[in-house]
Amino acid sequence: SRDGVTSLIFKEKHSRHQLVFDLRLEGNQPRLRGYWSGIGGFGGG
């Protein structure tokens, strides 16, 4: 829960990085956001 909005996080971990999918409802419509993060602070959408 962030800013009063609850979302489901789907996190897939790998040896040196992870994939993250953030699923939330915005007005009755599902919204999906995906990003990755790695060792040393690398990552992005």
All heavy atoms as atom14 arrays in JSON, in Angstrom:
{
  "sequence": "SRDGVTSLIFKEKHSRHQLVFDLRLEGNQPRLRGYWSGIGGFGGG",
  "atom14_mask": [
    [1, 1, 1, 1, 1, 1, 0, 0, 0, 0, 0, 0, 0, 0],
    [1, 1, 1, 1, 1, 1, 1, 1, 1, 1, 1, 0, 0, 0],
    [1, 1, 1, 1, 1, 1, 1, 1, 0, 0, 0, 0, 0, 0],
    [1, 1, 1, 1, 0, 0, 0, 0, 0, 0, 0, 0, 0, 0],
    [1, 1, 1, 1, 1, 1, 1, 0, 0, 0, 0, 0, 0, 0],
    [1, 1, 1, 1, 1, 1, 1, 0, 0, 0, 0, 0, 0, 0],
    [1, 1, 1, 1, 1, 1, 0, 0, 0, 0, 0, 0, 0, 0],
    [1, 1, 1, 1, 1, 1, 1, 1, 0, 0, 0, 0, 0, 0],
    [1, 1, 1, 1, 1, 1, 1, 1, 0, 0, 0, 0, 0, 0],
    [1, 1, 1, 1, 1, 1, 1, 1, 1, 1, 1, 0, 0, 0],
    [1, 1, 1, 1, 1, 1, 1, 1, 1, 0, 0, 0, 0, 0],
    [1, 1, 1, 1, 1, 1, 1, 1, 1, 0, 0, 0, 0, 0],
    [1, 1, 1, 1, 1, 1, 1, 1, 1, 0, 0, 0, 0, 0],
    [1, 1, 1, 1, 1, 1, 1, 1, 1, 1, 0, 0, 0, 0],
    [1, 1, 1, 1, 1, 1, 0, 0, 0, 0, 0, 0, 0, 0],
    [1, 1, 1, 1, 1, 1, 1, 1, 1, 1, 1, 0, 0, 0],
    [1, 1, 1, 1, 1, 1, 1, 1, 1, 1, 0, 0, 0, 0],
    [1, 1, 1, 1, 1, 1, 1, 1, 1, 0, 0, 0, 0, 0],
    [1, 1, 1, 1, 1, 1, 1, 1, 0, 0, 0, 0, 0, 0],
    [1, 1, 1, 1, 1, 1, 1, 0, 0, 0, 0, 0, 0, 0],
    [1, 1, 1, 1, 1, 1, 1, 1, 1, 1, 1, 0, 0, 0],
    [1, 1, 1, 1, 1, 1, 1, 1, 0, 0, 0, 0, 0, 0],
    [1, 1, 1, 1, 1, 1, 1, 1, 0, 0, 0, 0, 0, 0],
    [1, 1, 1, 1, 1, 1, 1, 1, 1, 1, 1, 0, 0, 0],
    [1, 1, 1, 1, 1, 1, 1, 1, 0, 0, 0, 0, 0, 0],
    [1, 1, 1, 1, 1, 1, 1, 1, 1, 0, 0, 0, 0, 0],
    [1, 1, 1, 1, 0, 0, 0, 0, 0, 0, 0, 0, 0, 0],
    [1, 1, 1, 1, 1, 1, 1, 1, 0, 0, 0, 0, 0, 0],
    [1, 1, 1, 1, 1, 1, 1, 1, 1, 0, 0, 0, 0, 0],
    [1, 1, 1, 1, 1, 1, 1, 0, 0, 0, 0, 0, 0, 0],
    [1, 1, 1, 1, 1, 1, 1, 1, 1, 1, 1, 0, 0, 0],
    [1, 1, 1, 1, 1, 1, 1, 1, 0, 0, 0, 0, 0, 0],
    [1, 1, 1, 1, 1, 1, 1, 1, 1, 1, 1, 0, 0, 0],
    [1, 1, 1, 1, 0, 0, 0, 0, 0, 0, 0, 0, 0, 0],
    [1, 1, 1, 1, 1, 1, 1, 1, 1, 1, 1, 1, 0, 0],
    [1, 1, 1, 1, 1, 1, 1, 1, 1, 1, 1, 1, 1, 1],
    [1, 1, 1, 1, 1, 1, 0, 0, 0, 0, 0, 0, 0, 0],
    [1, 1, 1, 1, 0, 0, 0, 0, 0, 0, 0, 0, 0, 0],
    [1, 1, 1, 1, 1, 1, 1, 1, 0, 0, 0, 0, 0, 0],
    [1, 1, 1, 1, 0, 0, 0, 0, 0, 0, 0, 0, 0, 0],
    [1, 1, 1, 1, 0, 0, 0, 0, 0, 0, 0, 0, 0, 0],
    [1, 1, 1, 1, 1, 1, 1, 1, 1, 1, 1, 0, 0, 0],
    [1, 1, 1, 1, 0, 0, 0, 0, 0, 0, 0, 0, 0, 0],
    [1, 1, 1, 1, 0, 0, 0, 0, 0, 0, 0, 0, 0, 0],
    [1, 1, 1, 1, 0, 0, 0, 0, 0, 0, 0, 0, 0, 0]
  ],
  "atom14_positions": [
    [[0.84, -1.19, 0.0], [0.0, 0.0, 0.0], [0.88, 1.24, 0.0], [1.75, 1.39, 0.85], [-0.91, -0.01, 1.23], [-1.8, 1.07, 1.19], [0.0, 0.0, 0.0], [0.0, 0.0, 0.0], [0.0, 0.0, 0.0], [0.0, 0.0, 0.0], [0.0, 0.0, 0.0], [0.0, 0.0, 0.0], [0.0, 0.0, 0.0], [0.0, 0.0, 0.0]],
    [[0.64, 2.1, -1.0], [1.36, 3.38, -1.11], [0.35, 4.47, -1.4], [-0.47, 4.33, -2.3], [2.38, 3.34, -2.25], [3.62, 2.58, -1.93], [4.51, 2.56, -3.13], [4.04, 1.41, -3.9], [4.55, 0.98, -5.01], [5.53, 1.61, -5.57], [4.1, -0.09, -5.62], [0.0, 0.0, 0.0], [0.0, 0.0, 0.0], [0.0, 0.0, 0.0]],
    [[0.43, 5.54, -0.65], [-0.45, 6.69, -0.86], [-1.92, 6.28, -0.87], [-2.71, 6.79, -1.66], [-0.1, 7.42, -2.16], [1.33, 7.92, -2.19], [1.82, 8.3, -1.11], [1.95, 7.91, -3.26], [0.0, 0.0, 0.0], [0.0, 0.0, 0.0], [0.0, 0.0, 0.0], [0.0, 0.0, 0.0], [0.0, 0.0, 0.0], [0.0, 0.0, 0.0]],
    [[-2.29, 5.33, -0.04], [-3.67, 4.89, 0.06], [-4.13, 3.98, -1.06], [-5.29, 3.63, -1.14], [0.0, 0.0, 0.0], [0.0, 0.0, 0.0], [0.0, 0.0, 0.0], [0.0, 0.0, 0.0], [0.0, 0.0, 0.0], [0.0, 0.0, 0.0], [0.0, 0.0, 0.0], [0.0, 0.0, 0.0], [0.0, 0.0, 0.0], [0.0, 0.0, 0.0]],
    [[-3.21, 3.59, -1.96], [-3.56, 2.7, -3.08], [-2.86, 1.36, -2.85], [-1.66, 1.32, -2.62], [-3.11, 3.31, -4.43], [-3.39, 2.34, -5.56], [-3.8, 4.64, -4.66], [0.0, 0.0, 0.0], [0.0, 0.0, 0.0], [0.0, 0.0, 0.0], [0.0, 0.0, 0.0], [0.0, 0.0, 0.0], [0.0, 0.0, 0.0], [0.0, 0.0, 0.0]],
    [[-3.62, 0.29, -2.91], [-3.05, -1.04, -2.74], [-2.78, -1.65, -4.11], [-3.6, -1.55, -5.01], [-4.0, -1.95, -1.94], [-4.22, -1.35, -0.66], [-3.42, -3.33, -1.75], [0.0, 0.0, 0.0], [0.0, 0.0, 0.0], [0.0, 0.0, 0.0], [0.0, 0.0, 0.0], [0.0, 0.0, 0.0], [0.0, 0.0, 0.0], [0.0, 0.0, 0.0]],
    [[-1.62, -2.22, -4.26], [-1.29, -2.92, -5.5], [-0.69, -4.27, -5.17], [-0.28, -4.53, -4.05], [-0.34, -2.11, -6.38], [0.59, -1.4, -5.67], [0.0, 0.0, 0.0], [0.0, 0.0, 0.0], [0.0, 0.0, 0.0], [0.0, 0.0, 0.0], [0.0, 0.0, 0.0], [0.0, 0.0, 0.0], [0.0, 0.0, 0.0], [0.0, 0.0, 0.0]],
    [[-0.69, -5.13, -6.17], [-0.04, -6.43, -6.04], [1.3, -6.32, -6.74], [1.39, -5.86, -7.87], [-0.86, -7.53, -6.71], [-2.05, -8.05, -5.94], [-2.81, -9.08, -6.77], [-1.63, -8.66, -4.62], [0.0, 0.0, 0.0], [0.0, 0.0, 0.0], [0.0, 0.0, 0.0], [0.0, 0.0, 0.0], [0.0, 0.0, 0.0], [0.0, 0.0, 0.0]],
    [[2.34, -6.77, -6.07], [3.68, -6.78, -6.62], [4.02, -8.23, -6.98], [3.82, -9.14, -6.18], [4.71, -6.25, -5.59], [4.36, -4.82, -5.17], [6.12, -6.35, -6.14], [4.42, -3.81, -6.28], [0.0, 0.0, 0.0], [0.0, 0.0, 0.0], [0.0, 0.0, 0.0], [0.0, 0.0, 0.0], [0.0, 0.0, 0.0], [0.0, 0.0, 0.0]],
    [[4.52, -8.4, -8.17], [4.99, -9.7, -8.66], [6.49, -9.55, -8.89], [6.9, -8.79, -9.75], [4.3, -10.07, -9.97], [2.81, -10.24, -9.84], [1.97, -9.14, -9.8], [2.25, -11.51, -9.77], [0.6, -9.29, -9.69], [0.88, -11.66, -9.67], [0.05, -10.55, -9.62], [0.0, 0.0, 0.0], [0.0, 0.0, 0.0], [0.0, 0.0, 0.0]],
    [[7.28, -10.26, -8.1], [8.73, -10.09, -8.16], [9.38, -11.42, -8.56], [9.18, -12.44, -7.92], [9.27, -9.64, -6.81], [10.75, -9.3, -6.82], [11.26, -8.93, -5.42], [10.66, -7.62, -4.96], [11.24, -7.19, -3.67], [0.0, 0.0, 0.0], [0.0, 0.0, 0.0], [0.0, 0.0, 0.0], [0.0, 0.0, 0.0], [0.0, 0.0, 0.0]],
    [[10.16, -11.36, -9.62], [10.87, -12.54, -10.11], [12.37, -12.29, -9.92], [12.94, -11.43, -10.57], [10.54, -12.76, -11.58], [11.14, -14.01, -12.16], [10.71, -14.19, -13.6], [11.16, -13.41, -14.46], [9.95, -15.13, -13.87], [0.0, 0.0, 0.0], [0.0, 0.0, 0.0], [0.0, 0.0, 0.0], [0.0, 0.0, 0.0], [0.0, 0.0, 0.0]],
    [[12.98, -13.05, -9.01], [14.38, -12.84, -8.68], [15.29, -13.73, -9.53], [14.98, -14.89, -9.77], [14.63, -13.12, -7.2], [13.92, -12.14, -6.3], [14.2, -12.42, -4.85], [13.46, -11.43, -3.97], [13.71, -11.66, -2.55], [0.0, 0.0, 0.0], [0.0, 0.0, 0.0], [0.0, 0.0, 0.0], [0.0, 0.0, 0.0], [0.0, 0.0, 0.0]],
    [[16.37, -13.13, -9.98], [17.42, -13.84, -10.71], [18.72, -13.63, -9.95], [18.75, -12.9, -8.97], [17.5, -13.32, -12.15], [16.24, -13.52, -12.92], [15.96, -14.68, -13.6], [15.15, -12.74, -13.08], [14.77, -14.6, -14.16], [14.26, -13.42, -13.86], [0.0, 0.0, 0.0], [0.0, 0.0, 0.0], [0.0, 0.0, 0.0], [0.0, 0.0, 0.0]],
    [[19.8, -14.22, -10.41], [21.06, -14.15, -9.65], [21.59, -12.72, -9.51], [22.1, -12.35, -8.47], [22.12, -15.04, -10.28], [22.42, -14.61, -11.59], [0.0, 0.0, 0.0], [0.0, 0.0, 0.0], [0.0, 0.0, 0.0], [0.0, 0.0, 0.0], [0.0, 0.0, 0.0], [0.0, 0.0, 0.0], [0.0, 0.0, 0.0], [0.0, 0.0, 0.0]],
    [[21.49, -11.89, -10.54], [22.07, -10.55, -10.47], [21.05, -9.43, -10.72], [21.42, -8.27, -10.78], [23.22, -10.43, -11.45], [24.33, -11.44, -11.13], [25.55, -11.28, -11.98], [26.16, -9.98, -11.96], [27.0, -9.53, -11.03], [27.29, -10.28, -10.0], [27.52, -8.32, -11.12], [0.0, 0.0, 0.0], [0.0, 0.0, 0.0], [0.0, 0.0, 0.0]],
    [[19.79, -9.78, -10.89], [18.76, -8.77, -11.08], [17.4, -9.35, -10.72], [17.28, -10.54, -10.45], [18.76, -8.26, -12.54], [18.21, -9.25, -13.51], [18.92, -10.32, -13.99], [16.98, -9.32, -14.1], [18.18, -11.01, -14.83], [16.99, -10.43, -14.92], [0.0, 0.0, 0.0], [0.0, 0.0, 0.0], [0.0, 0.0, 0.0], [0.0, 0.0, 0.0]],
    [[16.4, -8.5, -10.7], [15.03, -8.94, -10.47], [14.08, -8.16, -11.36], [14.31, -6.99, -11.67], [14.64, -8.78, -9.01], [14.67, -7.37, -8.49], [14.43, -7.32, -6.99], [14.37, -8.34, -6.32], [14.3, -6.13, -6.46], [0.0, 0.0, 0.0], [0.0, 0.0, 0.0], [0.0, 0.0, 0.0], [0.0, 0.0, 0.0], [0.0, 0.0, 0.0]],
    [[13.04, -8.84, -11.8], [11.95, -8.22, -12.56], [10.81, -7.96, -11.59], [10.49, -8.82, -10.77], [11.45, -9.14, -13.66], [12.33, -9.35, -14.86], [11.77, -10.47, -15.73], [12.45, -8.07, -15.66], [0.0, 0.0, 0.0], [0.0, 0.0, 0.0], [0.0, 0.0, 0.0], [0.0, 0.0, 0.0], [0.0, 0.0, 0.0], [0.0, 0.0, 0.0]],
    [[10.2, -6.79, -11.69], [9.11, -6.44, -10.8], [7.95, -5.92, -11.65], [8.13, -5.08, -12.52], [9.53, -5.35, -9.78], [8.37, -5.01, -8.85], [10.75, -5.8, -8.99], [0.0, 0.0, 0.0], [0.0, 0.0, 0.0], [0.0, 0.0, 0.0], [0.0, 0.0, 0.0], [0.0, 0.0, 0.0], [0.0, 0.0, 0.0], [0.0, 0.0, 0.0]],
    [[6.76, -6.46, -11.36], [5.54, -6.0, -12.01], [4.6, -5.49, -10.93], [4.38, -6.17, -9.93], [4.87, -7.14, -12.79], [5.71, -7.69, -13.89], [6.5, -8.81, -13.69], [5.72, -7.08, -15.13], [7.28, -9.32, -14.71], [6.5, -7.59, -16.17], [7.29, -8.7, -15.95], [0.0, 0.0, 0.0], [0.0, 0.0, 0.0], [0.0, 0.0, 0.0]],
    [[4.09, -4.29, -11.11], [3.22, -3.62, -10.14], [1.83, -3.51, -10.77], [1.65, -2.81, -11.76], [3.81, -2.24, -9.84], [3.02, -1.45, -8.81], [1.9, -1.85, -8.46], [3.54, -0.42, -8.36], [0.0, 0.0, 0.0], [0.0, 0.0, 0.0], [0.0, 0.0, 0.0], [0.0, 0.0, 0.0], [0.0, 0.0, 0.0], [0.0, 0.0, 0.0]],
    [[0.86, -4.23, -10.2], [-0.51, -4.26, -10.73], [-1.44, -3.57, -9.75], [-1.49, -3.93, -8.58], [-0.95, -5.72, -10.94], [-2.33, -5.97, -11.49], [-2.49, -5.35, -12.87], [-2.6, -7.46, -11.54], [0.0, 0.0, 0.0], [0.0, 0.0, 0.0], [0.0, 0.0, 0.0], [0.0, 0.0, 0.0], [0.0, 0.0, 0.0], [0.0, 0.0, 0.0]],
    [[-2.17, -2.55, -10.24], [-3.1, -1.81, -9.39], [-4.34, -1.43, -10.18], [-4.33, -1.45, -11.4], [-2.45, -0.59, -8.8], [-2.16, 0.48, -9.83], [-1.57, 1.72, -9.25], [-0.24, 1.44, -8.75], [0.47, 2.29, -8.05], [0.0, 3.47, -7.77], [1.66, 1.97, -7.62], [0.0, 0.0, 0.0], [0.0, 0.0, 0.0], [0.0, 0.0, 0.0]],
    [[-5.37, -1.08, -9.46], [-6.6, -0.58, -10.09], [-6.58, 0.94, -10.05], [-6.31, 1.53, -9.02], [-7.84, -1.07, -9.36], [-8.28, -2.5, -9.61], [-9.49, -2.83, -8.75], [-8.58, -2.72, -11.07], [0.0, 0.0, 0.0], [0.0, 0.0, 0.0], [0.0, 0.0, 0.0], [0.0, 0.0, 0.0], [0.0, 0.0, 0.0], [0.0, 0.0, 0.0]],
    [[-6.84, 1.52, -11.2], [-7.0, 2.97, -11.27], [-8.37, 3.25, -11.86], [-8.59, 3.07, -13.04], [-5.9, 3.6, -12.13], [-4.58, 3.64, -11.43], [-3.52, 4.37, -12.21], [-3.79, 4.86, -13.32], [-2.39, 4.42, -11.71], [0.0, 0.0, 0.0], [0.0, 0.0, 0.0], [0.0, 0.0, 0.0], [0.0, 0.0, 0.0], [0.0, 0.0, 0.0]],
    [[-9.3, 3.68, -11.06], [-10.69, 3.88, -11.48], [-11.33, 2.6, -11.99], [-11.33, 2.12, -12.24], [0.0, 0.0, 0.0], [0.0, 0.0, 0.0], [0.0, 0.0, 0.0], [0.0, 0.0, 0.0], [0.0, 0.0, 0.0], [0.0, 0.0, 0.0], [0.0, 0.0, 0.0], [0.0, 0.0, 0.0], [0.0, 0.0, 0.0], [0.0, 0.0, 0.0]],
    [[-11.4, 1.44, -11.61], [-11.93, 0.19, -12.18], [-11.14, -0.36, -13.36], [-11.61, -1.28, -14.01], [-13.4, 0.35, -12.57], [-14.29, 0.58, -11.38], [-13.9, 0.28, -10.26], [-15.45, 1.13, -11.59], [0.0, 0.0, 0.0], [0.0, 0.0, 0.0], [0.0, 0.0, 0.0], [0.0, 0.0, 0.0], [0.0, 0.0, 0.0], [0.0, 0.0, 0.0]],
    [[-10.02, 0.21, -13.73], [-9.2, -0.3, -14.82], [-7.85, -0.78, -14.26], [-7.22, -0.06, -13.49], [-8.93, 0.79, -15.86], [-10.15, 1.26, -16.6], [-10.75, 0.16, -17.45], [-10.04, -0.59, -18.11], [-12.07, 0.06, -17.43], [0.0, 0.0, 0.0], [0.0, 0.0, 0.0], [0.0, 0.0, 0.0], [0.0, 0.0, 0.0], [0.0, 0.0, 0.0]],
    [[-7.43, -1.97, -14.64], [-6.12, -2.44, -14.16], [-4.99, -1.66, -14.85], [-5.07, -1.33, -16.02], [-6.09, -3.91, -14.57], [-7.04, -4.01, -15.71], [-8.08, -2.95, -15.49], [0.0, 0.0, 0.0], [0.0, 0.0, 0.0], [0.0, 0.0, 0.0], [0.0, 0.0, 0.0], [0.0, 0.0, 0.0], [0.0, 0.0, 0.0], [0.0, 0.0, 0.0]],
    [[-3.96, -1.35, -14.08], [-2.78, -0.67, -14.63], [-1.56, -1.49, -14.23], [-1.37, -1.83, -13.07], [-2.66, 0.73, -14.07], [-1.47, 1.48, -14.66], [-1.48, 2.93, -14.22], [-0.47, 3.7, -14.9], [0.81, 3.73, -14.55], [1.23, 3.01, -13.53], [1.67, 4.47, -15.21], [0.0, 0.0, 0.0], [0.0, 0.0, 0.0], [0.0, 0.0, 0.0]],
    [[-0.75, -1.8, -15.21], [0.45, -2.61, -14.99], [1.68, -1.77, -15.28], [1.75, -1.08, -16.29], [0.42, -3.83, -15.91], [1.59, -4.8, -15.78], [1.61, -5.46, -14.39], [1.51, -5.87, -16.86], [0.0, 0.0, 0.0], [0.0, 0.0, 0.0], [0.0, 0.0, 0.0], [0.0, 0.0, 0.0], [0.0, 0.0, 0.0], [0.0, 0.0, 0.0]],
    [[2.64, -1.85, -14.38], [3.92, -1.18, -14.56], [5.0, -2.23, -14.36], [4.9, -3.07, -13.46], [4.07, -0.08, -13.52], [5.19, 0.88, -13.82], [5.31, 1.87, -12.7], [6.48, 1.39, -11.97], [6.97, 1.88, -10.87], [6.42, 2.87, -10.3], [8.02, 1.39, -10.3], [0.0, 0.0, 0.0], [0.0, 0.0, 0.0], [0.0, 0.0, 0.0]],
    [[6.02, -2.22, -15.17], [7.1, -3.18, -15.04], [8.44, -2.49, -15.0], [8.65, -1.48, -15.66], [0.0, 0.0, 0.0], [0.0, 0.0, 0.0], [0.0, 0.0, 0.0], [0.0, 0.0, 0.0], [0.0, 0.0, 0.0], [0.0, 0.0, 0.0], [0.0, 0.0, 0.0], [0.0, 0.0, 0.0], [0.0, 0.0, 0.0], [0.0, 0.0, 0.0]],
    [[9.34, -3.02, -14.19], [10.7, -2.48, -14.12], [11.64, -3.58, -13.65], [11.22, -4.65, -13.23], [10.77, -1.24, -13.21], [10.3, -1.45, -11.79], [11.19, -1.77, -10.77], [8.95, -1.32, -11.46], [10.75, -1.94, -9.47], [8.51, -1.5, -10.16], [9.43, -1.8, -9.17], [8.98, -1.98, -7.88], [0.0, 0.0, 0.0], [0.0, 0.0, 0.0]],
    [[12.92, -3.3, -13.72], [13.91, -4.25, -13.26], [14.93, -3.5, -12.42], [15.1, -2.28, -12.54], [14.59, -4.97, -14.42], [15.42, -4.07, -15.29], [14.97, -3.27, -16.3], [16.83, -3.88, -15.21], [16.01, -2.59, -16.86], [17.17, -2.94, -16.21], [17.83, -4.38, -14.4], [18.48, -2.51, -16.41], [19.13, -3.96, -14.61], [19.45, -3.04, -15.59]],
    [[15.59, -4.21, -11.53], [16.67, -3.63, -10.74], [17.76, -4.67, -10.59], [17.5, -5.86, -10.55], [16.16, -3.15, -9.37], [15.64, -4.22, -8.63], [0.0, 0.0, 0.0], [0.0, 0.0, 0.0], [0.0, 0.0, 0.0], [0.0, 0.0, 0.0], [0.0, 0.0, 0.0], [0.0, 0.0, 0.0], [0.0, 0.0, 0.0], [0.0, 0.0, 0.0]],
    [[18.98, -4.18, -10.54], [20.12, -5.08, -10.46], [21.09, -4.68, -9.38], [20.93, -3.68, -8.68], [0.0, 0.0, 0.0], [0.0, 0.0, 0.0], [0.0, 0.0, 0.0], [0.0, 0.0, 0.0], [0.0, 0.0, 0.0], [0.0, 0.0, 0.0], [0.0, 0.0, 0.0], [0.0, 0.0, 0.0], [0.0, 0.0, 0.0], [0.0, 0.0, 0.0]],
    [[22.13, -5.45, -9.26], [23.18, -5.2, -8.29], [23.85, -3.87, -8.61], [24.09, -3.54, -9.76], [24.21, -6.35, -8.3], [23.53, -7.62, -7.81], [25.43, -6.02, -7.47], [24.39, -8.85, -7.87], [0.0, 0.0, 0.0], [0.0, 0.0, 0.0], [0.0, 0.0, 0.0], [0.0, 0.0, 0.0], [0.0, 0.0, 0.0], [0.0, 0.0, 0.0]],
    [[24.13, -3.09, -7.58], [24.82, -1.83, -7.77], [23.9, -0.67, -8.12], [24.37, 0.38, -8.55], [0.0, 0.0, 0.0], [0.0, 0.0, 0.0], [0.0, 0.0, 0.0], [0.0, 0.0, 0.0], [0.0, 0.0, 0.0], [0.0, 0.0, 0.0], [0.0, 0.0, 0.0], [0.0, 0.0, 0.0], [0.0, 0.0, 0.0], [0.0, 0.0, 0.0]],
    [[22.6, -0.85, -7.97], [21.67, 0.24, -8.21], [21.24, 0.41, -9.65], [20.55, 1.37, -9.99], [0.0, 0.0, 0.0], [0.0, 0.0, 0.0], [0.0, 0.0, 0.0], [0.0, 0.0, 0.0], [0.0, 0.0, 0.0], [0.0, 0.0, 0.0], [0.0, 0.0, 0.0], [0.0, 0.0, 0.0], [0.0, 0.0, 0.0], [0.0, 0.0, 0.0]],
    [[21.65, -0.48, -10.53], [21.22, -0.4, -11.92], [19.77, -0.84, -12.04], [19.29, -1.65, -11.25], [22.1, -1.28, -12.82], [23.51, -0.81, -12.89], [24.51, -1.44, -12.16], [23.85, 0.28, -13.68], [25.81, -1.0, -12.22], [25.16, 0.72, -13.75], [26.14, 0.09, -13.01], [0.0, 0.0, 0.0], [0.0, 0.0, 0.0], [0.0, 0.0, 0.0]],
    [[19.08, -0.34, -13.03], [17.71, -0.75, -13.26], [17.0, 0.25, -14.12], [17.58, 1.22, -14.61], [0.0, 0.0, 0.0], [0.0, 0.0, 0.0], [0.0, 0.0, 0.0], [0.0, 0.0, 0.0], [0.0, 0.0, 0.0], [0.0, 0.0, 0.0], [0.0, 0.0, 0.0], [0.0, 0.0, 0.0], [0.0, 0.0, 0.0], [0.0, 0.0, 0.0]],
    [[15.72, 0.0, -14.32], [14.92, 0.91, -15.13], [13.58, 0.31, -15.47], [13.27, -0.83, -15.11], [0.0, 0.0, 0.0], [0.0, 0.0, 0.0], [0.0, 0.0, 0.0], [0.0, 0.0, 0.0], [0.0, 0.0, 0.0], [0.0, 0.0, 0.0], [0.0, 0.0, 0.0], [0.0, 0.0, 0.0], [0.0, 0.0, 0.0], [0.0, 0.0, 0.0]],
    [[12.79, 1.09, -16.16], [11.46, 0.65, -16.56], [11.53, -0.3, -17.75], [12.48, -0.26, -18.53], [0.0, 0.0, 0.0], [0.0, 0.0, 0.0], [0.0, 0.0, 0.0], [0.0, 0.0, 0.0], [0.0, 0.0, 0.0], [0.0, 0.0, 0.0], [0.0, 0.0, 0.0], [0.0, 0.0, 0.0], [0.0, 0.0, 0.0], [0.0, 0.0, 0.0]]
  ]
}
